[in-house]
Amino acid sequence: MISKAELEFQKRMEKFIPPKENWTPIDKALFTQKTYFEDYQKSLDLTFNAIKYSFNHHFENNSLYRRLCEVNNVTPDTITSKEDFNKLPLLPDSFFKDYPEGKGFLKWLDNVYTGTTPMPTFRTEIPDHDNVIEEFNKKGVSIMFTSGTSGRFSFIPRDNGSWNRLKYNAMRSVVELMDYNPNDTVVLLIPDPRLTNLTIASLFGIAYDLYNSENIHVALEDMKITTQYLRMQRAETIGIKEKIKAKAMSKLSPIVLKRSDNKIISLLENLEKEGKRANIAGPPFWLNRIMGRMIKEDRKVKLPDSQVLTGGGWKAEEDKRTPEETFREKVENVLGIPQDRFHDVYAMSECSSVFLSCEGHYKHVPPTIIPLVLDENLNSIGYDKFGRFAFIDPIPESYPGFIITGDKVKLMERCPACNRKGPVLDIEVSRLPGVEGRGCAAVMADLMEQEE
């Protein structure tokens, strides 16, 4: 029997699902099965067909990826079964931050985009990143970007269809792995996701599709986060005007954050008084700062029916990172939320899904994504060994979703903590040192020069 939550989810998802007569193999893999982690194998079988379809699409319509395939002697005729998927050429995630500045940026985007790029008309010959993002939004293409804490942003172009599929894919995991109630209060520890293309905000902003908007509270309202804003925050200014703005920001930021944190703390205290439950979602460093303020001011709450969802890592506050187990204990002590109601999500700008943890804290891989763990020579090493994470993602049509990351993970064939089907990632995910310039990254740089 279908639960009320599942019925509500299906109702909310109707706008993301295209008419069945227009389904591609990708849509069949996403929308055919009613559950991911109960019907895992059935969904996985459909994903194999979606991968073949996706590979053919990018091979035929993305000249840059086709060149990479030719270098590796791979064609659609090479990929005849799922055993051949290990032959698929993988793009390094660093490729999406390896773009030229100035005039070359638009050319780079055009090469990354699969198919005919819906290139906007710009007022200036060399538009800045934010102008490019804004104009592409009007054309139905979201240029999502990362926070760029390493000094470079990553830019990922998604057409409307690819973005809707990502939303559905992520929300499917939320409904199956968390205690979903569409009437819950939601506390988002992020800037307003409706005002930015910042990936982490956009992903947490999926809450607006899952929950009633009047019950959603955003920590930083009416704040538009742009690439310029993030640059100035890191003191990477261009010209005297930005220097003046950056200086003002450095003085205002602590005041703005303190006001925001106090607002959230008061909200949590009111939720406790009213006996309501909430989903508190955001990056761990943000929640850690709020809890630190609560401890300092001797303010604790008891929210035993609420949930926490963290994601996005510790970013610029990496020095404050604590093991997840320690962080869960802190959440339980300060917010009164049991550890089995703490969830963490591993997500990447380049991937069309999220790996959300269950009540046992292992991150479940949805059947729409094929995970890989590679050794130093980029050979697959299977389960129960730490290595470099890669994945085959057939969902995006606007760029090839066959990606090798710089993250260190361990993949397990089944979850040690719950009965849901499919592989999981171990609790802790970390960054591998010194992987950016290795192997395929250098090949991609050479191919991009040839394209230009």
Protein backbone atom coordinates (compact mmCIF):
# COMPACT_ATOMS: atom_id res chain seq x y z
CA MET A 1 0.00 0.00 0.00
CA ILE A 2 1.36 3.43 -0.99
CA SER A 3 1.97 5.77 1.97
CA LYS A 4 0.49 9.26 2.25
CA ALA A 5 3.99 10.71 1.89
CA GLU A 6 4.53 8.79 -1.36
CA LEU A 7 1.14 9.95 -2.71
CA GLU A 8 1.99 13.55 -1.86
CA PHE A 9 5.42 13.15 -3.46
CA GLN A 10 3.91 11.78 -6.68
CA LYS A 11 1.49 14.70 -6.82
CA ARG A 12 4.31 17.22 -6.37
CA MET A 13 6.50 15.51 -8.96
CA GLU A 14 4.00 15.54 -11.82
CA LYS A 15 5.37 18.84 -13.15
CA PHE A 16 8.85 17.32 -13.56
CA ILE A 17 7.78 14.20 -15.47
CA PRO A 18 7.36 14.65 -19.26
CA PRO A 19 4.48 12.97 -21.14
CA LYS A 20 5.16 9.25 -21.43
CA GLU A 21 5.03 9.31 -25.24
CA ASN A 22 8.06 11.64 -25.16
CA TRP A 23 10.17 9.51 -22.82
CA THR A 24 13.74 8.71 -23.76
CA PRO A 25 15.61 5.76 -22.18
CA ILE A 26 16.82 8.29 -19.57
CA ASP A 27 13.24 9.14 -18.56
CA LYS A 28 12.35 5.43 -18.41
CA ALA A 29 15.23 4.84 -15.97
CA LEU A 30 14.10 7.75 -13.78
CA PHE A 31 10.34 7.49 -13.77
CA THR A 32 9.29 3.87 -14.40
CA GLN A 33 9.81 2.40 -10.93
CA LYS A 34 7.88 3.84 -8.00
CA THR A 35 10.77 3.31 -5.57
CA TYR A 36 14.54 3.38 -6.00
CA PHE A 37 15.81 1.28 -3.13
CA GLU A 38 13.16 -1.44 -3.15
CA ASP A 39 13.11 -1.88 -6.95
CA TYR A 40 16.85 -1.28 -7.25
CA GLN A 41 17.70 -3.99 -9.80
CA LYS A 42 14.77 -3.14 -12.07
CA SER A 43 15.79 0.52 -12.09
CA LEU A 44 19.42 -0.44 -12.64
CA ASP A 45 18.52 -2.51 -15.72
CA LEU A 46 16.81 0.55 -17.18
CA THR A 47 19.84 2.69 -16.31
CA PHE A 48 22.06 0.50 -18.51
CA ASN A 49 19.91 1.40 -21.53
CA ALA A 50 19.99 5.06 -20.48
CA ILE A 51 23.80 5.03 -20.41
CA LYS A 52 24.04 3.69 -23.95
CA TYR A 53 21.56 6.31 -25.11
CA SER A 54 23.40 9.09 -23.25
CA PHE A 55 26.82 8.07 -24.57
CA ASN A 56 25.54 8.05 -28.16
CA HIS A 57 23.96 11.47 -27.62
CA HIS A 58 27.16 13.09 -26.37
CA PHE A 59 29.37 11.28 -28.89
CA GLU A 60 27.25 12.61 -31.75
CA ASN A 61 26.57 16.11 -30.41
CA ASN A 62 29.59 17.16 -28.36
CA SER A 63 32.69 17.59 -30.51
CA LEU A 64 35.00 17.91 -27.50
CA TYR A 65 33.80 14.66 -25.92
CA ARG A 66 33.91 12.96 -29.30
CA ARG A 67 37.56 13.92 -29.63
CA LEU A 68 38.25 12.42 -26.20
CA CYS A 69 36.55 9.21 -27.34
CA GLU A 70 38.63 9.14 -30.51
CA VAL A 71 41.84 9.52 -28.50
CA ASN A 72 40.73 6.48 -26.48
CA ASN A 73 39.54 4.54 -29.57
CA VAL A 74 35.98 4.34 -28.25
CA THR A 75 32.85 4.65 -30.41
CA PRO A 76 29.18 3.73 -29.87
CA ASP A 77 29.96 0.42 -31.58
CA THR A 78 32.48 -0.28 -28.79
CA ILE A 79 29.80 -0.09 -26.09
CA THR A 80 27.59 -3.14 -26.65
CA SER A 81 26.91 -4.29 -23.06
CA LYS A 82 27.27 -3.13 -19.47
CA GLU A 83 30.64 -4.91 -19.32
CA ASP A 84 31.91 -2.28 -21.76
CA PHE A 85 31.04 0.68 -19.53
CA ASN A 86 34.55 0.67 -18.06
CA LYS A 87 35.73 1.77 -21.54
CA LEU A 88 33.75 5.03 -21.40
CA PRO A 89 36.16 7.99 -21.35
CA LEU A 90 35.74 9.97 -18.13
CA LEU A 91 36.00 13.75 -17.78
CA PRO A 92 37.96 14.96 -14.73
CA ASP A 93 35.90 17.18 -12.43
CA SER A 94 38.78 19.67 -12.57
CA PHE A 95 37.95 20.20 -16.24
CA PHE A 96 34.91 22.25 -15.24
CA LYS A 97 37.13 24.80 -13.51
CA ASP A 98 39.81 24.81 -16.23
CA TYR A 99 38.34 27.64 -18.32
CA PRO A 100 39.94 30.74 -19.81
CA GLU A 101 38.93 34.21 -18.67
CA GLY A 102 37.68 36.97 -20.93
CA LYS A 103 36.56 36.19 -24.48
CA GLY A 104 37.60 32.55 -24.18
CA PHE A 105 35.05 31.79 -21.45
CA LEU A 106 32.06 31.77 -23.82
CA LYS A 107 33.97 29.61 -26.29
CA TRP A 108 34.77 27.21 -23.46
CA LEU A 109 31.09 27.00 -22.48
CA ASP A 110 30.17 26.38 -26.10
CA ASN A 111 32.62 23.45 -26.25
CA VAL A 112 31.36 21.96 -22.98
CA TYR A 113 27.69 22.18 -23.98
CA THR A 114 26.27 19.21 -25.86
CA GLY A 115 24.25 20.18 -28.91
CA THR A 116 23.62 23.71 -30.13
CA THR A 117 24.40 26.17 -27.37
CA PRO A 118 21.53 28.66 -26.88
CA MET A 119 24.03 31.52 -26.87
CA PRO A 120 22.52 34.78 -25.58
CA THR A 121 23.30 38.24 -26.94
CA PHE A 122 25.49 40.25 -24.58
CA ARG A 123 25.80 44.00 -24.28
CA THR A 124 29.57 43.88 -23.94
CA GLU A 125 32.16 41.96 -25.91
CA ILE A 126 33.55 40.36 -22.75
CA PRO A 127 30.70 39.74 -20.27
CA ASP A 128 31.62 38.79 -16.72
CA HIS A 129 30.62 35.43 -15.21
CA ASP A 130 27.52 36.80 -13.49
CA ASN A 131 26.25 38.44 -16.67
CA VAL A 132 26.76 35.14 -18.54
CA ILE A 133 24.86 33.23 -15.83
CA GLU A 134 21.99 35.74 -15.82
CA GLU A 135 21.55 35.73 -19.59
CA PHE A 136 21.74 31.92 -19.87
CA ASN A 137 19.05 31.68 -17.17
CA LYS A 138 16.74 33.62 -19.50
CA LYS A 139 17.48 31.06 -22.22
CA GLY A 140 16.47 28.12 -19.99
CA VAL A 141 20.02 27.03 -19.13
CA SER A 142 21.25 27.14 -15.53
CA ILE A 143 24.99 27.70 -15.29
CA MET A 144 25.56 26.33 -11.80
CA PHE A 145 28.74 27.28 -9.98
CA THR A 146 30.58 26.16 -6.89
CA SER A 147 31.79 28.39 -4.08
CA GLY A 148 35.31 28.32 -5.47
CA THR A 149 37.10 28.05 -2.14
CA SER A 150 40.14 26.61 -3.94
CA GLY A 151 40.44 29.83 -5.94
CA ARG A 152 38.52 28.69 -9.04
CA PHE A 153 34.80 28.27 -9.60
CA SER A 154 33.40 25.23 -11.40
CA PHE A 155 30.70 25.95 -13.99
CA ILE A 156 28.16 23.32 -15.05
CA PRO A 157 25.55 24.09 -17.77
CA ARG A 158 22.15 22.40 -17.30
CA ASP A 159 19.19 22.82 -19.59
CA ASN A 160 15.72 22.79 -18.03
CA GLY A 161 15.13 19.10 -18.74
CA SER A 162 18.41 18.04 -17.12
CA TRP A 163 17.74 20.24 -14.07
CA ASN A 164 14.22 18.82 -13.64
CA ARG A 165 15.62 15.28 -13.77
CA LEU A 166 18.22 16.16 -11.15
CA LYS A 167 15.50 17.57 -8.89
CA TYR A 168 13.39 14.44 -9.21
CA ASN A 169 16.39 12.20 -8.63
CA ALA A 170 17.40 14.04 -5.46
CA MET A 171 13.86 14.27 -4.10
CA ARG A 172 13.31 10.55 -4.68
CA SER A 173 16.22 9.89 -2.28
CA VAL A 174 14.86 12.32 0.33
CA VAL A 175 11.45 10.65 0.36
CA GLU A 176 12.90 7.13 0.63
CA LEU A 177 15.75 7.77 3.06
CA MET A 178 14.31 10.40 5.41
CA ASP A 179 11.10 10.76 7.41
CA TYR A 180 9.22 12.85 4.84
CA ASN A 181 6.20 14.97 5.74
CA PRO A 182 5.33 17.80 3.31
CA ASN A 183 3.89 19.86 6.18
CA ASP A 184 7.15 19.99 8.15
CA THR A 185 8.85 23.27 8.98
CA VAL A 186 12.10 23.64 7.02
CA VAL A 187 15.08 25.70 8.19
CA LEU A 188 17.58 26.36 5.38
CA LEU A 189 21.02 27.47 6.56
CA ILE A 190 21.89 29.01 3.20
CA PRO A 191 21.31 32.22 1.23
CA ASP A 192 17.97 32.39 -0.57
CA PRO A 193 18.25 29.61 -3.22
CA ARG A 194 15.84 31.44 -5.53
CA LEU A 195 18.36 34.26 -5.98
CA THR A 196 21.49 32.34 -6.94
CA ASN A 197 22.91 29.59 -9.15
CA LEU A 198 25.32 28.52 -6.42
CA THR A 199 25.12 24.72 -6.52
CA ILE A 200 24.78 24.02 -2.79
CA ALA A 201 22.00 26.60 -2.44
CA SER A 202 20.20 25.27 -5.52
CA LEU A 203 20.29 21.70 -4.20
CA PHE A 204 18.98 22.63 -0.75
CA GLY A 205 16.46 24.86 -2.53
CA ILE A 206 14.73 21.70 -3.77
CA ALA A 207 12.91 22.03 -0.43
CA TYR A 208 10.57 24.44 -2.19
CA ASP A 209 9.35 21.56 -4.36
CA LEU A 210 9.05 19.10 -1.47
CA TYR A 211 7.51 21.23 1.29
CA ASN A 212 4.96 24.02 1.67
CA SER A 213 6.72 27.31 0.94
CA GLU A 214 5.04 29.12 3.84
CA ASN A 215 6.82 26.72 6.23
CA ILE A 216 10.30 27.33 4.80
CA HIS A 217 12.66 29.72 6.62
CA VAL A 218 15.92 30.88 4.99
CA ALA A 219 18.84 32.01 7.14
CA LEU A 220 19.96 34.78 4.76
CA GLU A 221 16.94 36.21 3.00
CA ASP A 222 17.11 38.66 0.09
CA MET A 223 20.84 38.06 -0.38
CA LYS A 224 21.92 37.45 -3.96
CA ILE A 225 25.10 35.35 -4.02
CA THR A 226 27.07 35.93 -7.21
CA THR A 227 30.56 34.96 -8.30
CA GLN A 228 31.59 38.58 -7.74
CA TYR A 229 30.28 38.46 -4.17
CA LEU A 230 32.22 35.25 -3.44
CA ARG A 231 35.40 36.68 -5.00
CA MET A 232 35.19 39.79 -2.88
CA GLN A 233 34.54 37.68 0.19
CA ARG A 234 37.89 36.01 -0.51
CA ALA A 235 39.48 39.45 -1.07
CA GLU A 236 40.00 38.71 -4.77
CA THR A 237 38.97 42.12 -6.06
CA ILE A 238 39.12 43.71 -9.50
CA GLY A 239 39.43 47.49 -9.50
CA ILE A 240 38.95 50.14 -6.84
CA LYS A 241 35.14 49.80 -6.64
CA GLU A 242 35.36 46.12 -5.69
CA LYS A 243 38.07 46.89 -3.13
CA ILE A 244 35.79 49.42 -1.45
CA LYS A 245 32.86 46.97 -1.50
CA ALA A 246 35.03 44.15 -0.13
CA LYS A 247 36.22 46.34 2.74
CA ALA A 248 32.63 47.21 3.64
CA MET A 249 31.62 43.54 3.41
CA SER A 250 34.38 42.48 5.79
CA LYS A 251 32.94 44.81 8.44
CA LEU A 252 29.29 43.99 7.83
CA SER A 253 29.57 40.19 7.48
CA PRO A 254 30.00 39.38 11.21
CA ILE A 255 27.02 41.64 12.04
CA VAL A 256 24.83 40.07 9.35
CA LEU A 257 25.77 36.53 10.41
CA LYS A 258 25.14 37.23 14.10
CA ARG A 259 21.70 38.66 13.32
CA SER A 260 20.92 35.67 11.07
CA ASP A 261 22.11 33.14 13.67
CA ASN A 262 20.04 34.74 16.43
CA LYS A 263 16.98 34.66 14.19
CA ILE A 264 17.47 30.92 13.59
CA ILE A 265 18.08 30.19 17.28
CA SER A 266 14.88 32.03 18.23
CA LEU A 267 13.00 30.06 15.56
CA LEU A 268 14.30 26.75 16.99
CA GLU A 269 13.26 27.82 20.49
CA ASN A 270 9.75 28.65 19.24
CA LEU A 271 9.51 25.30 17.47
CA GLU A 272 10.37 23.59 20.75
CA LYS A 273 7.67 25.56 22.61
CA GLU A 274 5.06 24.77 19.95
CA GLY A 275 6.02 21.09 19.80
CA LYS A 276 6.63 21.26 16.06
CA ARG A 277 9.19 19.27 14.12
CA ALA A 278 11.57 20.71 11.58
CA ASN A 279 14.09 19.73 8.94
CA ILE A 280 17.26 21.75 9.51
CA ALA A 281 19.36 21.70 6.34
CA GLY A 282 22.62 23.32 5.32
CA PRO A 283 26.40 22.96 5.31
CA PRO A 284 27.90 21.59 8.55
CA PHE A 285 30.08 24.65 9.17
CA TRP A 286 26.96 26.86 9.28
CA LEU A 287 25.15 24.61 11.74
CA ASN A 288 28.35 24.29 13.78
CA ARG A 289 28.62 28.06 14.08
CA ILE A 290 25.00 28.33 15.29
CA MET A 291 25.49 25.55 17.84
CA GLY A 292 28.71 27.19 19.01
CA ARG A 293 26.79 30.40 19.63
CA MET A 294 24.07 28.47 21.50
CA ILE A 295 26.66 26.78 23.73
CA LYS A 296 28.35 30.10 24.45
CA GLU A 297 25.00 31.67 25.40
CA ASP A 298 23.85 28.55 27.30
CA ARG A 299 20.84 28.02 25.01
CA LYS A 300 19.77 24.48 24.16
CA VAL A 301 16.60 23.06 22.64
CA LYS A 302 14.92 19.64 22.55
CA LEU A 303 13.62 18.74 19.09
CA PRO A 304 13.44 14.92 19.24
CA ASP A 305 11.14 14.55 16.22
CA SER A 306 13.12 16.90 13.98
CA GLN A 307 15.81 15.98 11.45
CA VAL A 308 19.13 17.40 10.33
CA LEU A 309 20.48 17.24 6.78
CA THR A 310 24.03 18.48 6.20
CA GLY A 311 25.90 18.73 2.93
CA GLY A 312 28.51 20.72 1.07
CA GLY A 313 31.44 20.16 3.42
CA TRP A 314 33.25 22.60 5.66
CA LYS A 315 34.59 24.85 2.86
CA ALA A 316 36.70 27.74 4.17
CA GLU A 317 36.28 26.48 7.75
CA GLU A 318 38.04 23.19 7.09
CA ASP A 319 40.17 23.75 10.20
CA LYS A 320 37.00 23.36 12.30
CA ARG A 321 35.98 20.05 10.73
CA THR A 322 35.20 17.27 13.18
CA PRO A 323 34.50 13.58 12.49
CA GLU A 324 30.86 13.05 11.60
CA GLU A 325 30.28 10.89 14.68
CA THR A 326 31.49 13.71 16.95
CA PHE A 327 29.37 16.23 15.06
CA ARG A 328 26.27 14.04 15.42
CA GLU A 329 26.85 13.88 19.18
CA LYS A 330 27.06 17.67 19.29
CA VAL A 331 23.77 17.97 17.40
CA GLU A 332 22.11 15.57 19.82
CA ASN A 333 23.45 17.45 22.83
CA VAL A 334 22.61 20.99 21.67
CA LEU A 335 19.47 20.48 19.57
CA GLY A 336 18.10 17.32 21.16
CA ILE A 337 17.86 15.57 17.78
CA PRO A 338 18.63 11.81 17.95
CA GLN A 339 21.57 10.60 15.89
CA ASP A 340 19.42 8.29 13.78
CA ARG A 341 17.62 11.44 12.56
CA PHE A 342 20.88 13.02 11.40
CA HIS A 343 21.57 12.69 7.66
CA ASP A 344 24.47 13.82 5.53
CA VAL A 345 24.53 14.14 1.77
CA TYR A 346 27.45 13.78 -0.63
CA ALA A 347 26.76 15.81 -3.74
CA MET A 348 28.77 17.30 -6.58
CA SER A 349 28.03 20.03 -9.09
CA GLU A 350 28.84 17.59 -11.89
CA CYS A 351 26.46 14.83 -10.74
CA SER A 352 22.71 14.65 -11.37
CA SER A 353 21.95 13.01 -8.08
CA VAL A 354 22.81 13.11 -4.40
CA PHE A 355 24.11 10.32 -2.17
CA LEU A 356 22.00 10.70 0.94
CA SER A 357 22.70 8.81 4.16
CA CYS A 358 20.18 6.57 5.86
CA GLU A 359 19.53 6.37 9.60
CA GLY A 360 22.73 4.29 9.84
CA HIS A 361 24.75 7.14 8.20
CA TYR A 362 25.86 5.25 5.07
CA LYS A 363 25.37 7.18 1.82
CA HIS A 364 23.09 5.34 -0.61
CA VAL A 365 23.81 5.41 -4.35
CA PRO A 366 20.59 5.65 -6.38
CA PRO A 367 20.21 3.14 -9.24
CA THR A 368 20.28 5.95 -11.80
CA ILE A 369 24.03 6.40 -11.22
CA ILE A 370 26.82 3.83 -11.72
CA PRO A 371 29.53 4.38 -9.06
CA LEU A 372 33.18 3.46 -9.59
CA VAL A 373 36.20 3.43 -7.28
CA LEU A 374 39.57 3.67 -9.03
CA ASP A 375 43.18 3.08 -8.03
CA GLU A 376 46.15 5.34 -8.84
CA ASN A 377 46.26 3.94 -12.38
CA LEU A 378 42.52 4.68 -12.81
CA ASN A 379 41.55 1.00 -12.82
CA SER A 380 38.38 -0.09 -11.05
CA ILE A 381 39.06 -1.75 -7.66
CA GLY A 382 35.51 -2.73 -6.73
CA TYR A 383 34.13 -2.81 -3.20
CA ASP A 384 35.56 -2.31 0.28
CA LYS A 385 38.73 -0.46 -0.75
CA PHE A 386 39.48 3.23 -0.57
CA GLY A 387 40.14 4.87 -3.91
CA ARG A 388 39.26 7.71 -6.24
CA PHE A 389 35.55 8.16 -6.88
CA ALA A 390 34.13 8.22 -10.39
CA PHE A 391 30.61 7.82 -11.72
CA ILE A 392 28.62 7.26 -14.88
CA ASP A 393 25.65 9.62 -14.90
CA PRO A 394 23.37 9.32 -17.96
CA ILE A 395 20.91 12.01 -16.84
CA PRO A 396 22.30 15.34 -18.16
CA GLU A 397 21.81 16.03 -21.85
CA SER A 398 23.64 19.38 -21.86
CA TYR A 399 27.07 17.99 -20.90
CA PRO A 400 28.63 14.49 -20.62
CA GLY A 401 28.03 13.07 -17.13
CA PHE A 402 30.89 10.56 -17.18
CA ILE A 403 33.10 12.00 -14.46
CA ILE A 404 36.18 11.15 -12.45
CA THR A 405 36.48 13.14 -9.21
CA GLY A 406 39.30 13.94 -6.83
CA ASP A 407 37.45 12.47 -3.85
CA LYS A 408 38.57 9.53 -1.73
CA VAL A 409 35.77 7.08 -0.95
CA LYS A 410 35.05 3.46 -0.07
CA LEU A 411 32.17 1.72 -1.82
CA MET A 412 30.31 -1.15 -0.17
CA GLU A 413 28.06 -3.60 -2.00
CA ARG A 414 25.25 -3.26 0.53
CA CYS A 415 24.41 -1.10 3.53
CA PRO A 416 25.64 -2.50 6.88
CA ALA A 417 22.89 -0.61 8.74
CA CYS A 418 19.60 -0.97 6.81
CA ASN A 419 17.82 -3.31 4.41
CA ARG A 420 17.63 -0.96 1.43
CA LYS A 421 19.09 -2.42 -1.74
CA GLY A 422 22.08 -1.15 -3.68
CA PRO A 423 25.63 -0.02 -2.86
CA VAL A 424 26.59 2.67 -0.36
CA LEU A 425 29.51 4.97 0.27
CA ASP A 426 31.24 4.76 3.63
CA ILE A 427 30.45 7.53 6.09
CA GLU A 428 33.50 9.76 5.61
CA VAL A 429 34.41 11.22 2.20
CA SER A 430 37.63 13.20 1.83
CA ARG A 431 39.64 14.95 -0.88
CA LEU A 432 42.64 13.22 -2.44
CA PRO A 433 45.73 15.44 -2.47
CA GLY A 434 47.43 16.38 -5.72
CA VAL A 435 45.04 14.84 -8.24
CA GLU A 436 44.14 17.88 -10.34
CA GLY A 437 46.86 17.65 -12.97
CA ARG A 438 47.06 13.90 -13.43
CA GLY A 439 46.17 11.73 -16.40
CA CYS A 440 42.92 12.62 -18.10
CA ALA A 441 43.00 16.24 -16.91
CA ALA A 442 46.06 16.87 -19.06
CA VAL A 443 44.42 15.14 -22.03
CA MET A 444 41.33 17.37 -21.66
CA ALA A 445 43.50 20.50 -21.59
CA ASP A 446 45.16 19.45 -24.86
CA LEU A 447 41.82 18.70 -26.50
CA MET A 448 40.37 22.03 -25.44
CA GLU A 449 43.33 23.84 -27.02
CA GLN A 450 42.69 21.95 -30.26
CA GLU A 451 38.99 22.88 -30.18
CA GLU A 452 39.88 26.53 -29.77
